[in-house]
């Protein structure tokens, strides 16, 4: 929300942001961080990012939430060997057929009826059902229905990057 604010960009996918009585600023917020800079000095963000990397590299590499053609995901929590995500798959959406070298996954259905492929097995799941995807297993999550699908994904392994 803004009051008496001009020539500014305010964006958030996390906390509520309120600005009042300012002009020529950029405010970007998510669950993990808030960036505030003047429009005139927005190039200084590169220097801030470089300074963050040694102690806060995760903030410079990935967003907490990402939108994809099939839906979106939000990282809820993570540690050295685990990550928990909330995944929304829109009607007709499907994740790519994939496998992971460095992690296993556990999917718990919150809403909807996803179709899950693990290696040669294809199954239809319902809310509160769960499935384990071993490290190296070829798998896919699809929403072949006209209602959204939500799952909680728990990843465990030595590397949790999106490029695995």
C-alpha atoms as a PDB file:
ATOM      1  CA  UNK A   1       0.000   0.000   0.000  1.00  0.00           C
ATOM      2  CA  UNK A   2       1.310   3.441  -0.774  1.00  0.00           C
ATOM      3  CA  UNK A   3       0.260   6.930   0.275  1.00  0.00           C
ATOM      4  CA  UNK A   4       1.732  10.126  -1.180  1.00  0.00           C
ATOM      5  CA  UNK A   5       4.324   8.070  -3.087  1.00  0.00           C
ATOM      6  CA  UNK A   6       5.407   8.915  -6.634  1.00  0.00           C
ATOM      7  CA  UNK A   7       7.668   7.552  -9.349  1.00  0.00           C
ATOM      8  CA  UNK A   8       8.379   4.388  -7.329  1.00  0.00           C
ATOM      9  CA  UNK A   9       8.257   0.613  -7.714  1.00  0.00           C
ATOM     10  CA  UNK A  10       6.973  -1.429  -4.795  1.00  0.00           C
ATOM     11  CA  UNK A  11       6.782  -5.225  -5.144  1.00  0.00           C
ATOM     12  CA  UNK A  12       6.258  -8.010  -2.614  1.00  0.00           C
ATOM     13  CA  UNK A  13       5.503 -11.708  -2.643  1.00  0.00           C
ATOM     14  CA  UNK A  14       5.983 -11.959   1.088  1.00  0.00           C
ATOM     15  CA  UNK A  15       5.117  -9.501   3.839  1.00  0.00           C
ATOM     16  CA  UNK A  16       2.768  -6.553   3.575  1.00  0.00           C
ATOM     17  CA  UNK A  17       4.695  -3.465   2.452  1.00  0.00           C
ATOM     18  CA  UNK A  18       3.519   0.047   3.205  1.00  0.00           C
ATOM     19  CA  UNK A  19       5.249   3.201   1.957  1.00  0.00           C
ATOM     20  CA  UNK A  20       4.317   6.794   2.636  1.00  0.00           C
ATOM     21  CA  UNK A  21       5.562  10.196   1.588  1.00  0.00           C
ATOM     22  CA  UNK A  22       8.450   9.104  -0.633  1.00  0.00           C
ATOM     23  CA  UNK A  23       9.392   9.282  -4.279  1.00  0.00           C
ATOM     24  CA  UNK A  24      11.886   7.733  -6.673  1.00  0.00           C
ATOM     25  CA  UNK A  25      12.454   4.517  -4.690  1.00  0.00           C
ATOM     26  CA  UNK A  26      12.424   0.807  -5.414  1.00  0.00           C
ATOM     27  CA  UNK A  27      11.195  -1.578  -2.705  1.00  0.00           C
ATOM     28  CA  UNK A  28      11.264  -5.334  -3.384  1.00  0.00           C
ATOM     29  CA  UNK A  29      10.317  -7.777  -0.617  1.00  0.00           C
ATOM     30  CA  UNK A  30       9.963 -11.514  -0.251  1.00  0.00           C
ATOM     31  CA  UNK A  31       9.823 -13.839   2.732  1.00  0.00           C
ATOM     32  CA  UNK A  32      13.607 -13.742   3.184  1.00  0.00           C
ATOM     33  CA  UNK A  33      14.702 -10.222   2.403  1.00  0.00           C
ATOM     34  CA  UNK A  34      13.716  -6.637   1.678  1.00  0.00           C
ATOM     35  CA  UNK A  35      15.612  -4.457  -0.804  1.00  0.00           C
ATOM     36  CA  UNK A  36      15.224  -0.682  -0.699  1.00  0.00           C
ATOM     37  CA  UNK A  37      17.133   1.568  -3.098  1.00  0.00           C
ATOM     38  CA  UNK A  38      16.698   4.844  -4.867  1.00  0.00           C
ATOM     39  CA  UNK A  39      15.822   4.728  -8.559  1.00  0.00           C
ATOM     40  CA  UNK A  40      18.822   6.968  -9.173  1.00  0.00           C
ATOM     41  CA  UNK A  41      21.278   4.528  -7.553  1.00  0.00           C
ATOM     42  CA  UNK A  42      19.745   1.190  -8.582  1.00  0.00           C
ATOM     43  CA  UNK A  43      23.083   0.128 -10.124  1.00  0.00           C
ATOM     44  CA  UNK A  44      24.445  -0.133  -6.565  1.00  0.00           C
ATOM     45  CA  UNK A  45      22.362  -3.317  -6.142  1.00  0.00           C
ATOM     46  CA  UNK A  46      25.176  -5.162  -7.985  1.00  0.00           C
ATOM     47  CA  UNK A  47      27.611  -4.095  -5.255  1.00  0.00           C
ATOM     48  CA  UNK A  48      25.161  -5.133  -2.539  1.00  0.00           C
ATOM     49  CA  UNK A  49      24.749  -8.562  -4.146  1.00  0.00           C
ATOM     50  CA  UNK A  50      28.523  -9.032  -4.320  1.00  0.00           C
ATOM     51  CA  UNK A  51      28.808  -8.114  -0.647  1.00  0.00           C
ATOM     52  CA  UNK A  52      26.007 -10.562   0.313  1.00  0.00           C
ATOM     53  CA  UNK A  53      27.506 -13.594  -1.452  1.00  0.00           C
ATOM     54  CA  UNK A  54      30.154 -14.637   1.104  1.00  0.00           C
ATOM     55  CA  UNK A  55      27.741 -14.924   4.053  1.00  0.00           C
ATOM     56  CA  UNK A  56      24.283 -15.107   2.424  1.00  0.00           C
ATOM     57  CA  UNK A  57      24.795 -16.849  -0.904  1.00  0.00           C
ATOM     58  CA  UNK A  58      21.324 -18.466  -0.893  1.00  0.00           C
ATOM     59  CA  UNK A  59      19.715 -15.011  -1.051  1.00  0.00           C
ATOM     60  CA  UNK A  60      21.642 -14.220  -4.233  1.00  0.00           C
ATOM     61  CA  UNK A  61      20.961 -17.527  -6.023  1.00  0.00           C
ATOM     62  CA  UNK A  62      17.291 -18.454  -5.762  1.00  0.00           C
ATOM     63  CA  UNK A  63      13.888 -17.059  -4.995  1.00  0.00           C
ATOM     64  CA  UNK A  64      11.719 -18.591  -2.300  1.00  0.00           C
ATOM     65  CA  UNK A  65       8.866 -18.900  -4.810  1.00  0.00           C
ATOM     66  CA  UNK A  66       9.038 -19.605  -8.518  1.00  0.00           C
ATOM     67  CA  UNK A  67       6.335 -19.693 -11.182  1.00  0.00           C
ATOM     68  CA  UNK A  68       6.606 -22.316 -13.900  1.00  0.00           C
ATOM     69  CA  UNK A  69       4.392 -23.155 -16.913  1.00  0.00           C
ATOM     70  CA  UNK A  70       2.806 -26.021 -14.927  1.00  0.00           C
ATOM     71  CA  UNK A  71       2.174 -23.979 -11.743  1.00  0.00           C
ATOM     72  CA  UNK A  72       4.476 -22.813  -8.949  1.00  0.00           C
ATOM     73  CA  UNK A  73       6.459 -23.822  -5.897  1.00  0.00           C
ATOM     74  CA  UNK A  74       7.499 -22.184  -2.653  1.00  0.00           C
ATOM     75  CA  UNK A  75      10.379 -23.353  -0.496  1.00  0.00           C
ATOM     76  CA  UNK A  76       9.023 -23.580   3.023  1.00  0.00           C
ATOM     77  CA  UNK A  77      12.255 -24.482   4.813  1.00  0.00           C
ATOM     78  CA  UNK A  78      15.655 -25.917   4.031  1.00  0.00           C
ATOM     79  CA  UNK A  79      18.854 -27.100   5.639  1.00  0.00           C
ATOM     80  CA  UNK A  80      22.137 -28.603   4.561  1.00  0.00           C
ATOM     81  CA  UNK A  81      20.601 -31.963   3.562  1.00  0.00           C
ATOM     82  CA  UNK A  82      16.860 -31.239   3.201  1.00  0.00           C
ATOM     83  CA  UNK A  83      14.317 -28.901   1.654  1.00  0.00           C
ATOM     84  CA  UNK A  84      10.543 -28.722   2.034  1.00  0.00           C
ATOM     85  CA  UNK A  85       8.431 -27.231  -0.769  1.00  0.00           C
ATOM     86  CA  UNK A  86       4.772 -26.445  -1.294  1.00  0.00           C
ATOM     87  CA  UNK A  87       3.960 -27.253  -4.944  1.00  0.00           C
ATOM     88  CA  UNK A  88       0.852 -26.087  -6.841  1.00  0.00           C
ATOM     89  CA  UNK A  89       0.095 -27.772 -10.175  1.00  0.00           C
ATOM     90  CA  UNK A  90      -2.601 -26.070 -12.213  1.00  0.00           C
ATOM     91  CA  UNK A  91      -5.235 -28.085 -14.101  1.00  0.00           C
ATOM     92  CA  UNK A  92      -3.623 -29.741 -17.122  1.00  0.00           C
ATOM     93  CA  UNK A  93      -0.121 -29.007 -15.793  1.00  0.00           C
ATOM     94  CA  UNK A  94       2.696 -31.508 -15.679  1.00  0.00           C
ATOM     95  CA  UNK A  95       6.251 -31.401 -14.402  1.00  0.00           C
ATOM     96  CA  UNK A  96       8.946 -32.743 -16.693  1.00  0.00           C
ATOM     97  CA  UNK A  97       9.866 -36.419 -16.612  1.00  0.00           C
ATOM     98  CA  UNK A  98      12.997 -36.277 -14.438  1.00  0.00           C
ATOM     99  CA  UNK A  99      15.387 -38.015 -12.082  1.00  0.00           C
ATOM    100  CA  UNK A 100      17.833 -36.780  -9.477  1.00  0.00           C
ATOM    101  CA  UNK A 101      21.423 -37.884  -8.942  1.00  0.00           C
ATOM    102  CA  UNK A 102      21.747 -36.416  -5.455  1.00  0.00           C
ATOM    103  CA  UNK A 103      18.388 -36.549  -3.697  1.00  0.00           C
ATOM    104  CA  UNK A 104      15.271 -38.557  -2.917  1.00  0.00           C
ATOM    105  CA  UNK A 105      11.814 -36.998  -2.626  1.00  0.00           C
ATOM    106  CA  UNK A 106       8.672 -37.674  -0.620  1.00  0.00           C
ATOM    107  CA  UNK A 107       5.383 -36.247  -1.930  1.00  0.00           C
ATOM    108  CA  UNK A 108       2.290 -35.786   0.238  1.00  0.00           C
ATOM    109  CA  UNK A 109      -0.958 -34.822  -1.491  1.00  0.00           C
ATOM    110  CA  UNK A 110      -2.772 -31.908   0.157  1.00  0.00           C
ATOM    111  CA  UNK A 111      -5.542 -31.278  -2.399  1.00  0.00           C
ATOM    112  CA  UNK A 112      -6.537 -32.658  -5.771  1.00  0.00           C
ATOM    113  CA  UNK A 113      -5.865 -35.954  -7.536  1.00  0.00           C
ATOM    114  CA  UNK A 114      -2.418 -35.977  -9.126  1.00  0.00           C
ATOM    115  CA  UNK A 115      -1.158 -38.672 -11.467  1.00  0.00           C
ATOM    116  CA  UNK A 116       2.312 -39.797 -10.411  1.00  0.00           C
ATOM    117  CA  UNK A 117       4.786 -41.775 -12.502  1.00  0.00           C
ATOM    118  CA  UNK A 118       7.723 -43.511 -10.804  1.00  0.00           C
ATOM    119  CA  UNK A 119       9.831 -45.542 -13.213  1.00  0.00           C
ATOM    120  CA  UNK A 120       7.273 -47.819 -14.969  1.00  0.00           C
ATOM    121  CA  UNK A 121       4.492 -47.420 -12.381  1.00  0.00           C
ATOM    122  CA  UNK A 122       1.689 -44.866 -12.907  1.00  0.00           C
ATOM    123  CA  UNK A 123      -0.691 -44.153 -10.029  1.00  0.00           C
ATOM    124  CA  UNK A 124      -3.532 -41.793  -9.167  1.00  0.00           C
ATOM    125  CA  UNK A 125      -3.276 -40.296  -5.678  1.00  0.00           C
ATOM    126  CA  UNK A 126      -5.840 -38.594  -3.417  1.00  0.00           C
ATOM    127  CA  UNK A 127      -5.516 -36.103  -0.568  1.00  0.00           C
ATOM    128  CA  UNK A 128      -3.488 -37.409   2.385  1.00  0.00           C
ATOM    129  CA  UNK A 129      -1.826 -40.111   0.265  1.00  0.00           C
ATOM    130  CA  UNK A 130       1.920 -40.066  -0.146  1.00  0.00           C
ATOM    131  CA  UNK A 131       4.627 -41.528  -2.302  1.00  0.00           C
ATOM    132  CA  UNK A 132       8.402 -41.934  -1.975  1.00  0.00           C
ATOM    133  CA  UNK A 133      10.655 -41.279  -4.982  1.00  0.00           C
ATOM    134  CA  UNK A 134      14.054 -42.929  -4.496  1.00  0.00           C
ATOM    135  CA  UNK A 135      17.210 -41.188  -5.632  1.00  0.00           C
ATOM    136  CA  UNK A 136      17.721 -41.936  -9.341  1.00  0.00           C
ATOM    137  CA  UNK A 137      14.089 -42.968 -10.026  1.00  0.00           C
ATOM    138  CA  UNK A 138      12.499 -41.493 -13.165  1.00  0.00           C
ATOM    139  CA  UNK A 139       9.372 -39.625 -12.054  1.00  0.00           C
ATOM    140  CA  UNK A 140       6.732 -37.083 -12.991  1.00  0.00           C
ATOM    141  CA  UNK A 141       3.818 -35.279 -11.343  1.00  0.00           C
ATOM    142  CA  UNK A 142       0.782 -34.461 -13.518  1.00  0.00           C
ATOM    143  CA  UNK A 143      -2.586 -32.857 -12.952  1.00  0.00           C
ATOM    144  CA  UNK A 144      -4.935 -34.397 -15.499  1.00  0.00           C
ATOM    145  CA  UNK A 145      -8.005 -32.954 -13.752  1.00  0.00           C
ATOM    146  CA  UNK A 146      -9.789 -29.606 -13.910  1.00  0.00           C
ATOM    147  CA  UNK A 147      -9.040 -28.791 -10.243  1.00  0.00           C
ATOM    148  CA  UNK A 148      -5.728 -27.587  -8.751  1.00  0.00           C
ATOM    149  CA  UNK A 149      -3.307 -30.018  -7.118  1.00  0.00           C
ATOM    150  CA  UNK A 150      -1.236 -29.135  -4.061  1.00  0.00           C
ATOM    151  CA  UNK A 151       1.513 -31.304  -2.661  1.00  0.00           C
ATOM    152  CA  UNK A 152       4.148 -30.993   0.010  1.00  0.00           C
ATOM    153  CA  UNK A 153       7.530 -32.209  -1.227  1.00  0.00           C
ATOM    154  CA  UNK A 154      10.282 -33.202   1.184  1.00  0.00           C
ATOM    155  CA  UNK A 155      13.688 -33.505  -0.476  1.00  0.00           C
ATOM    156  CA  UNK A 156      16.632 -35.211   1.191  1.00  0.00           C
ATOM    157  CA  UNK A 157      20.125 -35.496  -0.237  1.00  0.00           C
ATOM    158  CA  UNK A 158      23.605 -34.114  -0.648  1.00  0.00           C
ATOM    159  CA  UNK A 159      22.592 -31.525  -3.287  1.00  0.00           C
ATOM    160  CA  UNK A 160      19.169 -29.871  -3.572  1.00  0.00           C
ATOM    161  CA  UNK A 161      19.593 -27.463  -6.481  1.00  0.00           C
ATOM    162  CA  UNK A 162      16.990 -27.159  -9.230  1.00  0.00           C
ATOM    163  CA  UNK A 163      19.624 -28.303 -11.743  1.00  0.00           C
ATOM    164  CA  UNK A 164      19.865 -31.834 -10.253  1.00  0.00           C
END
